[in-house]
Amino acid sequence: MKDRAFIDTNVLIYLYSEDEFEKRETSKSVFSAYFCVTSTQVLNELSNVLIKKFKVPTTEVLAAIEEIIENCEINVVSVYSVKKALDISDKYRYSYYDSLILASALENECKFLITEDMQDGQIIDKCLTILNIF
């Protein structure tokens, strides 16, 4: 059985990058190595970046979201995660939105958070390990 891994926005962005070939391939490998989990927050952040920064048409963004839905368990950000994020932010000094990602990963019983933005190898609440695969 594969370990549950929460996928951060930057990993998904690289899946659709046309100028970061190595990072795109590394991101693709995550989906065969782990049982992938993400949240509605990540889908929202991805949509925003694809539309605003990369000028991707909304029809293509929708196709990307559908592809992610087929390959990840998607969880709605809960009130528990919002409250837990505040605690994580105080304890570990991450931004609120990074803390919300961490809280969602914990709530969804993930063993790993796959990201590029946080401290590689750090363990959150004795059960979630941050992995920077890049």
C-alpha atoms as a PDB file:
ATOM      1  CA  MET A   1       0.000   0.000   0.000  1.00  0.00           C
ATOM      2  CA  LYS A   2       1.369   3.415  -0.960  1.00  0.00           C
ATOM      3  CA  ASP A   3       1.955   6.122   1.626  1.00  0.00           C
ATOM      4  CA  ARG A   4      -0.486   9.031   1.597  1.00  0.00           C
ATOM      5  CA  ALA A   5       1.172  12.230   0.401  1.00  0.00           C
ATOM      6  CA  PHE A   6      -0.392  15.661   0.297  1.00  0.00           C
ATOM      7  CA  ILE A   7       0.519  17.490  -2.911  1.00  0.00           C
ATOM      8  CA  ASP A   8       1.230  21.224  -2.682  1.00  0.00           C
ATOM      9  CA  THR A   9       0.366  23.697  -5.425  1.00  0.00           C
ATOM     10  CA  ASN A  10       3.891  24.114  -6.774  1.00  0.00           C
ATOM     11  CA  VAL A  11       4.141  20.396  -7.577  1.00  0.00           C
ATOM     12  CA  LEU A  12       0.965  20.623  -9.643  1.00  0.00           C
ATOM     13  CA  ILE A  13       2.104  23.812 -11.375  1.00  0.00           C
ATOM     14  CA  TYR A  14       5.218  21.998 -12.601  1.00  0.00           C
ATOM     15  CA  LEU A  15       2.999  19.340 -14.188  1.00  0.00           C
ATOM     16  CA  TYR A  16       1.846  22.009 -16.632  1.00  0.00           C
ATOM     17  CA  SER A  17       5.143  23.830 -17.025  1.00  0.00           C
ATOM     18  CA  GLU A  18       6.563  24.002 -20.511  1.00  0.00           C
ATOM     19  CA  ASP A  19       9.972  25.382 -19.533  1.00  0.00           C
ATOM     20  CA  GLU A  20      10.804  23.290 -16.434  1.00  0.00           C
ATOM     21  CA  PHE A  21      11.181  19.832 -18.018  1.00  0.00           C
ATOM     22  CA  GLU A  22      13.094  18.218 -15.123  1.00  0.00           C
ATOM     23  CA  LYS A  23      10.668  19.522 -12.499  1.00  0.00           C
ATOM     24  CA  ARG A  24       7.713  18.411 -14.633  1.00  0.00           C
ATOM     25  CA  GLU A  25       9.104  14.879 -14.832  1.00  0.00           C
ATOM     26  CA  THR A  26       9.867  14.850 -11.095  1.00  0.00           C
ATOM     27  CA  SER A  27       6.302  16.000 -10.374  1.00  0.00           C
ATOM     28  CA  LYS A  28       4.871  13.255 -12.582  1.00  0.00           C
ATOM     29  CA  SER A  29       6.827  10.627 -10.650  1.00  0.00           C
ATOM     30  CA  VAL A  30       4.993  11.537  -7.430  1.00  0.00           C
ATOM     31  CA  PHE A  31       1.752  10.071  -8.737  1.00  0.00           C
ATOM     32  CA  SER A  32       3.191   6.584  -9.123  1.00  0.00           C
ATOM     33  CA  ALA A  33       5.142   6.685  -5.864  1.00  0.00           C
ATOM     34  CA  TYR A  34       2.375   7.841  -3.490  1.00  0.00           C
ATOM     35  CA  PHE A  35      -1.350   7.815  -2.895  1.00  0.00           C
ATOM     36  CA  CYS A  36      -1.876  11.494  -3.693  1.00  0.00           C
ATOM     37  CA  VAL A  37      -4.129  13.790  -1.709  1.00  0.00           C
ATOM     38  CA  THR A  38      -4.748  17.501  -2.130  1.00  0.00           C
ATOM     39  CA  SER A  39      -7.362  20.083  -1.231  1.00  0.00           C
ATOM     40  CA  THR A  40      -9.720  22.596  -2.705  1.00  0.00           C
ATOM     41  CA  GLN A  41      -7.274  25.290  -1.554  1.00  0.00           C
ATOM     42  CA  VAL A  42      -4.597  23.813  -3.830  1.00  0.00           C
ATOM     43  CA  LEU A  43      -7.009  23.564  -6.771  1.00  0.00           C
ATOM     44  CA  ASN A  44      -7.916  27.230  -6.274  1.00  0.00           C
ATOM     45  CA  GLU A  45      -4.273  28.312  -6.068  1.00  0.00           C
ATOM     46  CA  LEU A  46      -3.389  26.264  -9.158  1.00  0.00           C
ATOM     47  CA  SER A  47      -6.270  27.752 -11.139  1.00  0.00           C
ATOM     48  CA  ASN A  48      -5.248  31.258 -10.170  1.00  0.00           C
ATOM     49  CA  VAL A  49      -1.593  30.761 -11.183  1.00  0.00           C
ATOM     50  CA  LEU A  50      -2.458  29.089 -14.482  1.00  0.00           C
ATOM     51  CA  ILE A  51      -4.909  31.850 -15.417  1.00  0.00           C
ATOM     52  CA  LYS A  52      -3.071  34.917 -14.119  1.00  0.00           C
ATOM     53  CA  LYS A  53       0.612  34.044 -14.510  1.00  0.00           C
ATOM     54  CA  PHE A  54       0.627  31.603 -17.418  1.00  0.00           C
ATOM     55  CA  LYS A  55      -2.418  33.018 -19.243  1.00  0.00           C
ATOM     56  CA  VAL A  56      -3.897  29.537 -19.718  1.00  0.00           C
ATOM     57  CA  PRO A  57      -7.461  29.604 -21.100  1.00  0.00           C
ATOM     58  CA  THR A  58     -10.070  28.571 -18.559  1.00  0.00           C
ATOM     59  CA  THR A  59     -11.065  25.556 -20.668  1.00  0.00           C
ATOM     60  CA  GLU A  60      -7.498  24.233 -20.325  1.00  0.00           C
ATOM     61  CA  VAL A  61      -7.470  25.014 -16.607  1.00  0.00           C
ATOM     62  CA  LEU A  62     -10.669  23.014 -16.234  1.00  0.00           C
ATOM     63  CA  ALA A  63      -9.057  20.104 -18.109  1.00  0.00           C
ATOM     64  CA  ALA A  64      -6.068  20.281 -15.742  1.00  0.00           C
ATOM     65  CA  ILE A  65      -8.374  20.261 -12.713  1.00  0.00           C
ATOM     66  CA  GLU A  66     -10.231  17.235 -14.109  1.00  0.00           C
ATOM     67  CA  GLU A  67      -6.919  15.428 -14.616  1.00  0.00           C
ATOM     68  CA  ILE A  68      -5.906  16.140 -11.022  1.00  0.00           C
ATOM     69  CA  ILE A  69      -9.286  14.984  -9.716  1.00  0.00           C
ATOM     70  CA  GLU A  70      -8.757  11.673 -11.533  1.00  0.00           C
ATOM     71  CA  ASN A  71      -5.348  11.178  -9.913  1.00  0.00           C
ATOM     72  CA  CYS A  72      -5.782  12.613  -6.398  1.00  0.00           C
ATOM     73  CA  GLU A  73      -8.144  12.384  -3.519  1.00  0.00           C
ATOM     74  CA  ILE A  74      -9.537  15.925  -3.175  1.00  0.00           C
ATOM     75  CA  ASN A  75     -10.576  17.204   0.236  1.00  0.00           C
ATOM     76  CA  VAL A  76     -12.485  20.321   1.154  1.00  0.00           C
ATOM     77  CA  VAL A  77     -10.714  22.636   3.576  1.00  0.00           C
ATOM     78  CA  SER A  78     -12.505  22.190   6.881  1.00  0.00           C
ATOM     79  CA  VAL A  79     -13.104  24.442   9.860  1.00  0.00           C
ATOM     80  CA  TYR A  80     -10.777  22.124  11.796  1.00  0.00           C
ATOM     81  CA  SER A  81      -7.989  22.855   9.286  1.00  0.00           C
ATOM     82  CA  VAL A  82      -8.566  26.600   9.536  1.00  0.00           C
ATOM     83  CA  LYS A  83      -8.181  26.446  13.324  1.00  0.00           C
ATOM     84  CA  LYS A  84      -5.269  24.016  13.177  1.00  0.00           C
ATOM     85  CA  ALA A  85      -3.494  26.284  10.651  1.00  0.00           C
ATOM     86  CA  LEU A  86      -3.420  29.089  13.208  1.00  0.00           C
ATOM     87  CA  ASP A  87      -1.796  26.758  15.731  1.00  0.00           C
ATOM     88  CA  ILE A  88       0.752  25.518  13.169  1.00  0.00           C
ATOM     89  CA  SER A  89       1.559  29.078  12.109  1.00  0.00           C
ATOM     90  CA  ASP A  90       2.332  30.026  15.722  1.00  0.00           C
ATOM     91  CA  LYS A  91       4.281  26.857  16.458  1.00  0.00           C
ATOM     92  CA  TYR A  92       6.343  26.496  13.265  1.00  0.00           C
ATOM     93  CA  ARG A  93       6.333  30.078  11.931  1.00  0.00           C
ATOM     94  CA  TYR A  94       4.962  29.263   8.486  1.00  0.00           C
ATOM     95  CA  SER A  95       2.628  31.671   6.716  1.00  0.00           C
ATOM     96  CA  TYR A  96      -1.069  31.127   7.310  1.00  0.00           C
ATOM     97  CA  TYR A  97      -1.651  29.638   3.837  1.00  0.00           C
ATOM     98  CA  ASP A  98       1.330  27.271   4.122  1.00  0.00           C
ATOM     99  CA  SER A  99       0.043  26.332   7.565  1.00  0.00           C
ATOM    100  CA  LEU A 100      -3.375  25.627   6.068  1.00  0.00           C
ATOM    101  CA  ILE A 101      -1.726  23.207   3.627  1.00  0.00           C
ATOM    102  CA  LEU A 102       0.039  21.520   6.552  1.00  0.00           C
ATOM    103  CA  ALA A 103      -3.188  21.354   8.569  1.00  0.00           C
ATOM    104  CA  SER A 104      -5.058  19.810   5.636  1.00  0.00           C
ATOM    105  CA  ALA A 105      -2.307  17.219   5.207  1.00  0.00           C
ATOM    106  CA  LEU A 106      -2.511  16.332   8.896  1.00  0.00           C
ATOM    107  CA  GLU A 107      -6.299  16.194   8.880  1.00  0.00           C
ATOM    108  CA  ASN A 108      -6.201  13.825   5.913  1.00  0.00           C
ATOM    109  CA  GLU A 109      -3.686  11.535   7.614  1.00  0.00           C
ATOM    110  CA  CYS A 110      -0.895  12.047   5.111  1.00  0.00           C
ATOM    111  CA  LYS A 111       2.569  10.810   5.967  1.00  0.00           C
ATOM    112  CA  PHE A 112       4.262  13.311   3.647  1.00  0.00           C
ATOM    113  CA  LEU A 113       3.742  16.789   2.274  1.00  0.00           C
ATOM    114  CA  ILE A 114       5.322  17.065  -1.172  1.00  0.00           C
ATOM    115  CA  THR A 115       6.335  20.685  -1.763  1.00  0.00           C
ATOM    116  CA  GLU A 116       9.106  22.975  -2.847  1.00  0.00           C
ATOM    117  CA  ASP A 117       8.328  25.795  -0.448  1.00  0.00           C
ATOM    118  CA  MET A 118       8.975  24.475   3.044  1.00  0.00           C
ATOM    119  CA  GLN A 119      11.858  22.987   5.027  1.00  0.00           C
ATOM    120  CA  ASP A 120      12.811  19.596   3.601  1.00  0.00           C
ATOM    121  CA  GLY A 121      12.767  16.858   6.225  1.00  0.00           C
ATOM    122  CA  GLN A 122      10.947  18.875   8.873  1.00  0.00           C
ATOM    123  CA  ILE A 123       8.446  16.834  10.857  1.00  0.00           C
ATOM    124  CA  ILE A 124       5.183  18.515  11.817  1.00  0.00           C
ATOM    125  CA  ASP A 125       3.318  17.316  14.920  1.00  0.00           C
ATOM    126  CA  LYS A 126       5.457  14.139  15.045  1.00  0.00           C
ATOM    127  CA  CYS A 127       3.690  12.566  12.045  1.00  0.00           C
ATOM    128  CA  LEU A 128       3.925  14.641   8.834  1.00  0.00           C
ATOM    129  CA  THR A 129       7.248  14.889   7.028  1.00  0.00           C
ATOM    130  CA  ILE A 130       7.878  17.685   4.541  1.00  0.00           C
ATOM    131  CA  LEU A 131       9.589  16.451   1.390  1.00  0.00           C
ATOM    132  CA  ASN A 132      11.163  18.750  -1.174  1.00  0.00           C
ATOM    133  CA  ILE A 133      11.527  16.441  -4.171  1.00  0.00           C
ATOM    134  CA  PHE A 134      13.266  19.102  -6.233  1.00  0.00           C
END
